[in-house]
């Protein structure tokens, strides 16, 4: 069987933990930050975990991850 290609854009945006959870950065942090409160911007700094129901969307894009 031939080798599957990894989607590089997905590879750069998501990471896996040891327990094979998927980590992602939160959105809305790149621009238009003046109107957002400090509390909201502070919460956007955190890394969040992708819900386990959405895990199937990553299997085709990251075939050799876990």
PDB file of N, CA and C in Angstrom:
ATOM      1  N   UNK A   1       0.836  -1.185   0.000  1.00  0.00           N
ATOM      2  CA  UNK A   1       0.000   0.000   0.000  1.00  0.00           C
ATOM      3  C   UNK A   1       0.881   1.249   0.000  1.00  0.00           C
ATOM      4  N   UNK A   2       0.421   2.281  -0.661  1.00  0.00           N
ATOM      5  CA  UNK A   2       1.211   3.490  -0.771  1.00  0.00           C
ATOM      6  C   UNK A   2       1.143   4.314   0.524  1.00  0.00           C
ATOM      7  N   UNK A   3       2.104   5.217   0.673  1.00  0.00           N
ATOM      8  CA  UNK A   3       2.142   6.067   1.866  1.00  0.00           C
ATOM      9  C   UNK A   3       1.087   7.160   1.755  1.00  0.00           C
ATOM     10  N   UNK A   4       0.452   7.464   2.866  1.00  0.00           N
ATOM     11  CA  UNK A   4      -0.537   8.536   2.897  1.00  0.00           C
ATOM     12  C   UNK A   4       0.151   9.853   3.195  1.00  0.00           C
ATOM     13  N   UNK A   5      -0.346  10.914   2.615  1.00  0.00           N
ATOM     14  CA  UNK A   5       0.241  12.238   2.845  1.00  0.00           C
ATOM     15  C   UNK A   5      -0.432  12.916   4.018  1.00  0.00           C
ATOM     16  N   UNK A   6       0.365  13.575   4.835  1.00  0.00           N
ATOM     17  CA  UNK A   6      -0.129  14.356   5.956  1.00  0.00           C
ATOM     18  C   UNK A   6      -0.470  15.750   5.466  1.00  0.00           C
ATOM     19  N   UNK A   7      -1.613  16.252   5.869  1.00  0.00           N
ATOM     20  CA  UNK A   7      -1.993  17.621   5.534  1.00  0.00           C
ATOM     21  C   UNK A   7      -1.159  18.562   6.408  1.00  0.00           C
ATOM     22  N   UNK A   8      -0.255  19.317   5.792  1.00  0.00           N
ATOM     23  CA  UNK A   8       0.695  20.130   6.540  1.00  0.00           C
ATOM     24  C   UNK A   8       0.042  21.295   7.273  1.00  0.00           C
ATOM     25  N   UNK A   9      -1.026  21.845   6.724  1.00  0.00           N
ATOM     26  CA  UNK A   9      -1.685  22.960   7.408  1.00  0.00           C
ATOM     27  C   UNK A   9      -2.331  22.478   8.707  1.00  0.00           C
ATOM     28  N   UNK A  10      -2.887  21.276   8.702  1.00  0.00           N
ATOM     29  CA  UNK A  10      -3.470  20.709   9.921  1.00  0.00           C
ATOM     30  C   UNK A  10      -2.366  20.336  10.899  1.00  0.00           C
ATOM     31  N   UNK A  11      -1.277  19.836  10.368  1.00  0.00           N
ATOM     32  CA  UNK A  11      -0.145  19.418  11.197  1.00  0.00           C
ATOM     33  C   UNK A  11       0.435  20.595  11.990  1.00  0.00           C
ATOM     34  N   UNK A  12       0.429  21.787  11.399  1.00  0.00           N
ATOM     35  CA  UNK A  12       0.988  22.963  12.067  1.00  0.00           C
ATOM     36  C   UNK A  12       0.044  23.552  13.107  1.00  0.00           C
ATOM     37  N   UNK A  13      -1.249  23.323  12.956  1.00  0.00           N
ATOM     38  CA  UNK A  13      -2.231  23.965  13.826  1.00  0.00           C
ATOM     39  C   UNK A  13      -2.644  23.131  15.024  1.00  0.00           C
ATOM     40  N   UNK A  14      -2.457  21.823  14.961  1.00  0.00           N
ATOM     41  CA  UNK A  14      -2.940  20.940  16.022  1.00  0.00           C
ATOM     42  C   UNK A  14      -1.814  20.061  16.533  1.00  0.00           C
ATOM     43  N   UNK A  15      -1.883  19.730  17.813  1.00  0.00           N
ATOM     44  CA  UNK A  15      -0.897  18.844  18.439  1.00  0.00           C
ATOM     45  C   UNK A  15      -1.619  17.763  19.211  1.00  0.00           C
ATOM     46  N   UNK A  16      -0.938  16.650  19.418  1.00  0.00           N
ATOM     47  CA  UNK A  16      -1.505  15.550  20.167  1.00  0.00           C
ATOM     48  C   UNK A  16      -0.825  15.442  21.527  1.00  0.00           C
ATOM     49  N   UNK A  17      -1.610  15.104  22.558  1.00  0.00           N
ATOM     50  CA  UNK A  17      -1.051  14.824  23.870  1.00  0.00           C
ATOM     51  C   UNK A  17      -0.676  13.341  23.922  1.00  0.00           C
ATOM     52  N   UNK A  18      -0.114  12.912  25.030  1.00  0.00           N
ATOM     53  CA  UNK A  18       0.243  11.498  25.165  1.00  0.00           C
ATOM     54  C   UNK A  18      -0.980  10.603  25.200  1.00  0.00           C
ATOM     55  N   UNK A  19      -2.091  11.134  25.693  1.00  0.00           N
ATOM     56  CA  UNK A  19      -3.325  10.357  25.742  1.00  0.00           C
ATOM     57  C   UNK A  19      -4.136  10.526  24.471  1.00  0.00           C
ATOM     58  N   UNK A  20      -3.481  10.997  23.416  1.00  0.00           N
ATOM     59  CA  UNK A  20      -4.046  11.214  22.086  1.00  0.00           C
ATOM     60  C   UNK A  20      -5.252  12.147  22.075  1.00  0.00           C
ATOM     61  N   UNK A  21      -5.207  13.173  22.919  1.00  0.00           N
ATOM     62  CA  UNK A  21      -6.163  14.271  22.807  1.00  0.00           C
ATOM     63  C   UNK A  21      -5.566  15.285  21.838  1.00  0.00           C
ATOM     64  N   UNK A  22      -6.422  16.067  21.193  1.00  0.00           N
ATOM     65  CA  UNK A  22      -5.964  17.023  20.200  1.00  0.00           C
ATOM     66  C   UNK A  22      -6.043  18.423  20.797  1.00  0.00           C
ATOM     67  N   UNK A  23      -4.927  19.153  20.757  1.00  0.00           N
ATOM     68  CA  UNK A  23      -4.862  20.508  21.288  1.00  0.00           C
ATOM     69  C   UNK A  23      -4.923  21.509  20.149  1.00  0.00           C
ATOM     70  N   UNK A  24      -5.577  22.649  20.402  1.00  0.00           N
ATOM     71  CA  UNK A  24      -5.675  23.694  19.387  1.00  0.00           C
ATOM     72  C   UNK A  24      -5.592  25.058  20.041  1.00  0.00           C
ATOM     73  N   UNK A  25      -5.218  26.050  19.251  1.00  0.00           N
ATOM     74  CA  UNK A  25      -5.244  27.442  19.693  1.00  0.00           C
ATOM     75  C   UNK A  25      -6.636  27.988  19.531  1.00  0.00           C
ATOM     76  N   UNK A  26      -7.016  28.923  20.360  1.00  0.00           N
ATOM     77  CA  UNK A  26      -8.341  29.526  20.223  1.00  0.00           C
ATOM     78  C   UNK A  26      -8.327  30.569  19.117  1.00  0.00           C
ATOM     79  N   UNK A  27      -9.467  30.766  18.516  1.00  0.00           N
ATOM     80  CA  UNK A  27      -9.578  31.734  17.430  1.00  0.00           C
ATOM     81  C   UNK A  27      -9.850  33.129  17.992  1.00  0.00           C
ATOM     82  N   UNK A  28      -9.948  34.113  17.103  1.00  0.00           N
ATOM     83  CA  UNK A  28     -10.284  35.518  17.432  1.00  0.00           C
ATOM     84  C   UNK A  28      -9.174  36.233  18.188  1.00  0.00           C
ATOM     85  N   UNK A  29      -7.927  35.850  18.027  1.00  0.00           N
ATOM     86  CA  UNK A  29      -6.832  36.490  18.749  1.00  0.00           C
ATOM     87  C   UNK A  29      -5.880  37.220  17.813  1.00  0.00           C
ATOM     88  N   UNK A  30      -6.187  37.234  16.507  1.00  0.00           N
ATOM     89  CA  UNK A  30      -5.196  37.760  15.571  1.00  0.00           C
ATOM     90  C   UNK A  30      -5.338  39.260  15.298  1.00  0.00           C
ATOM     91  N   UNK A  31      -6.547  39.779  15.246  1.00  0.00           N
ATOM     92  CA  UNK A  31      -6.715  41.205  14.947  1.00  0.00           C
ATOM     93  C   UNK A  31      -8.013  41.702  15.567  1.00  0.00           C
ATOM     94  N   UNK A  32      -8.251  43.010  15.464  1.00  0.00           N
ATOM     95  CA  UNK A  32      -9.407  43.675  16.079  1.00  0.00           C
ATOM     96  C   UNK A  32      -9.434  43.451  17.588  1.00  0.00           C
ATOM     97  N   UNK A  33      -8.290  43.667  18.225  1.00  0.00           N
ATOM     98  CA  UNK A  33      -8.178  43.389  19.652  1.00  0.00           C
ATOM     99  C   UNK A  33      -8.574  44.577  20.524  1.00  0.00           C
ATOM    100  N   UNK A  34      -8.722  45.755  19.936  1.00  0.00           N
ATOM    101  CA  UNK A  34      -9.049  46.932  20.738  1.00  0.00           C
ATOM    102  C   UNK A  34     -10.411  46.822  21.394  1.00  0.00           C
ATOM    103  N   UNK A  35     -11.377  46.309  20.665  1.00  0.00           N
ATOM    104  CA  UNK A  35     -12.739  46.257  21.201  1.00  0.00           C
ATOM    105  C   UNK A  35     -12.964  45.077  22.143  1.00  0.00           C
ATOM    106  N   UNK A  36     -12.011  44.160  22.233  1.00  0.00           N
ATOM    107  CA  UNK A  36     -12.163  43.003  23.116  1.00  0.00           C
ATOM    108  C   UNK A  36     -11.631  43.360  24.499  1.00  0.00           C
ATOM    109  N   UNK A  37     -12.308  42.869  25.506  1.00  0.00           N
ATOM    110  CA  UNK A  37     -11.902  43.183  26.874  1.00  0.00           C
ATOM    111  C   UNK A  37     -10.619  42.428  27.232  1.00  0.00           C
ATOM    112  N   UNK A  38      -9.948  42.905  28.248  1.00  0.00           N
ATOM    113  CA  UNK A  38      -8.721  42.259  28.699  1.00  0.00           C
ATOM    114  C   UNK A  38      -8.998  40.849  29.184  1.00  0.00           C
ATOM    115  N   UNK A  39     -10.114  40.674  29.840  1.00  0.00           N
ATOM    116  CA  UNK A  39     -10.482  39.350  30.338  1.00  0.00           C
ATOM    117  C   UNK A  39     -10.677  38.370  29.180  1.00  0.00           C
ATOM    118  N   UNK A  40     -11.332  38.841  28.135  1.00  0.00           N
ATOM    119  CA  UNK A  40     -11.571  37.977  26.981  1.00  0.00           C
ATOM    120  C   UNK A  40     -10.267  37.615  26.280  1.00  0.00           C
ATOM    121  N   UNK A  41      -9.368  38.599  26.118  1.00  0.00           N
ATOM    122  CA  UNK A  41      -8.089  38.337  25.464  1.00  0.00           C
ATOM    123  C   UNK A  41      -7.222  37.396  26.293  1.00  0.00           C
ATOM    124  N   UNK A  42      -7.305  37.535  27.595  1.00  0.00           N
ATOM    125  CA  UNK A  42      -6.552  36.654  28.487  1.00  0.00           C
ATOM    126  C   UNK A  42      -7.032  35.213  28.360  1.00  0.00           C
ATOM    127  N   UNK A  43      -8.343  35.026  28.247  1.00  0.00           N
ATOM    128  CA  UNK A  43      -8.889  33.678  28.101  1.00  0.00           C
ATOM    129  C   UNK A  43      -8.567  33.080  26.737  1.00  0.00           C
ATOM    130  N   UNK A  44      -8.383  33.939  25.730  1.00  0.00           N
ATOM    131  CA  UNK A  44      -8.055  33.448  24.394  1.00  0.00           C
ATOM    132  C   UNK A  44      -6.613  32.944  24.298  1.00  0.00           C
ATOM    133  N   UNK A  45      -5.776  33.282  25.280  1.00  0.00           N
ATOM    134  CA  UNK A  45      -4.402  32.807  25.271  1.00  0.00           C
ATOM    135  C   UNK A  45      -4.305  31.307  25.516  1.00  0.00           C
ATOM    136  N   UNK A  46      -5.269  30.772  26.220  1.00  0.00           N
ATOM    137  CA  UNK A  46      -5.215  29.371  26.619  1.00  0.00           C
ATOM    138  C   UNK A  46      -5.316  28.437  25.420  1.00  0.00           C
ATOM    139  N   UNK A  47      -4.730  27.277  25.581  1.00  0.00           N
ATOM    140  CA  UNK A  47      -4.852  26.228  24.579  1.00  0.00           C
ATOM    141  C   UNK A  47      -6.030  25.359  24.977  1.00  0.00           C
ATOM    142  N   UNK A  48      -6.867  25.002  24.025  1.00  0.00           N
ATOM    143  CA  UNK A  48      -8.046  24.207  24.343  1.00  0.00           C
ATOM    144  C   UNK A  48      -7.938  22.833  23.696  1.00  0.00           C
ATOM    145  N   UNK A  49      -8.777  21.934  24.141  1.00  0.00           N
ATOM    146  CA  UNK A  49      -8.799  20.571  23.643  1.00  0.00           C
ATOM    147  C   UNK A  49      -9.972  20.434  22.676  1.00  0.00           C
ATOM    148  N   UNK A  50      -9.720  19.797  21.546  1.00  0.00           N
ATOM    149  CA  UNK A  50     -10.776  19.540  20.569  1.00  0.00           C
ATOM    150  C   UNK A  50     -11.697  18.465  21.135  1.00  0.00           C
ATOM    151  N   UNK A  51     -12.987  18.635  20.945  1.00  0.00           N
ATOM    152  CA  UNK A  51     -13.953  17.682  21.482  1.00  0.00           C
ATOM    153  C   UNK A  51     -13.760  16.314  20.824  1.00  0.00           C
ATOM    154  N   UNK A  52     -13.943  15.253  21.594  1.00  0.00           N
ATOM    155  CA  UNK A  52     -13.627  13.919  21.076  1.00  0.00           C
ATOM    156  C   UNK A  52     -14.564  13.483  19.952  1.00  0.00           C
ATOM    157  N   UNK A  53     -15.717  14.101  19.816  1.00  0.00           N
ATOM    158  CA  UNK A  53     -16.602  13.774  18.699  1.00  0.00           C
ATOM    159  C   UNK A  53     -16.037  14.302  17.374  1.00  0.00           C
ATOM    160  N   UNK A  54     -15.206  15.327  17.423  1.00  0.00           N
ATOM    161  CA  UNK A  54     -14.618  15.895  16.212  1.00  0.00           C
ATOM    162  C   UNK A  54     -13.319  15.210  15.815  1.00  0.00           C
ATOM    163  N   UNK A  55     -12.902  14.212  16.562  1.00  0.00           N
ATOM    164  CA  UNK A  55     -11.641  13.523  16.310  1.00  0.00           C
ATOM    165  C   UNK A  55     -11.605  12.863  14.927  1.00  0.00           C
ATOM    166  N   UNK A  56     -12.740  12.397  14.450  1.00  0.00           N
ATOM    167  CA  UNK A  56     -12.787  11.739  13.154  1.00  0.00           C
ATOM    168  C   UNK A  56     -12.396  12.630  12.003  1.00  0.00           C
ATOM    169  N   UNK A  57     -12.565  13.935  12.141  1.00  0.00           N
ATOM    170  CA  UNK A  57     -12.184  14.860  11.075  1.00  0.00           C
ATOM    171  C   UNK A  57     -10.673  14.930  10.897  1.00  0.00           C
ATOM    172  N   UNK A  58      -9.909  14.538  11.915  1.00  0.00           N
ATOM    173  CA  UNK A  58      -8.460  14.659  11.854  1.00  0.00           C
ATOM    174  C   UNK A  58      -7.784  13.387  11.362  1.00  0.00           C
ATOM    175  N   UNK A  59      -8.496  12.277  11.355  1.00  0.00           N
ATOM    176  CA  UNK A  59      -7.869  10.996  11.033  1.00  0.00           C
ATOM    177  C   UNK A  59      -7.361  10.975   9.598  1.00  0.00           C
ATOM    178  N   UNK A  60      -8.123  11.518   8.656  1.00  0.00           N
ATOM    179  CA  UNK A  60      -7.683  11.533   7.261  1.00  0.00           C
ATOM    180  C   UNK A  60      -6.545  12.517   7.028  1.00  0.00           C
ATOM    181  N   UNK A  61      -6.535  13.617   7.766  1.00  0.00           N
ATOM    182  CA  UNK A  61      -5.513  14.642   7.557  1.00  0.00           C
ATOM    183  C   UNK A  61      -4.201  14.337   8.259  1.00  0.00           C
ATOM    184  N   UNK A  62      -4.260  13.603   9.354  1.00  0.00           N
ATOM    185  CA  UNK A  62      -3.062  13.254  10.118  1.00  0.00           C
ATOM    186  C   UNK A  62      -2.994  11.731  10.281  1.00  0.00           C
ATOM    187  N   UNK A  63      -2.638  11.008   9.216  1.00  0.00           N
ATOM    188  CA  UNK A  63      -2.734   9.552   9.267  1.00  0.00           C
ATOM    189  C   UNK A  63      -1.734   8.897  10.200  1.00  0.00           C
ATOM    190  N   UNK A  64      -0.570   9.489  10.450  1.00  0.00           N
ATOM    191  CA  UNK A  64       0.470   8.844  11.259  1.00  0.00           C
ATOM    192  C   UNK A  64       0.644   9.470  12.629  1.00  0.00           C
ATOM    193  N   UNK A  65      -0.374  10.191  13.083  1.00  0.00           N
ATOM    194  CA  UNK A  65      -0.233  10.891  14.348  1.00  0.00           C
ATOM    195  C   UNK A  65      -0.297   9.945  15.539  1.00  0.00           C
ATOM    196  N   UNK A  66      -1.391   9.219  15.721  1.00  0.00           N
ATOM    197  CA  UNK A  66      -1.532   8.277  16.842  1.00  0.00           C
ATOM    198  C   UNK A  66      -2.407   7.135  16.451  1.00  0.00           C
TER     199      UNK A  66
END
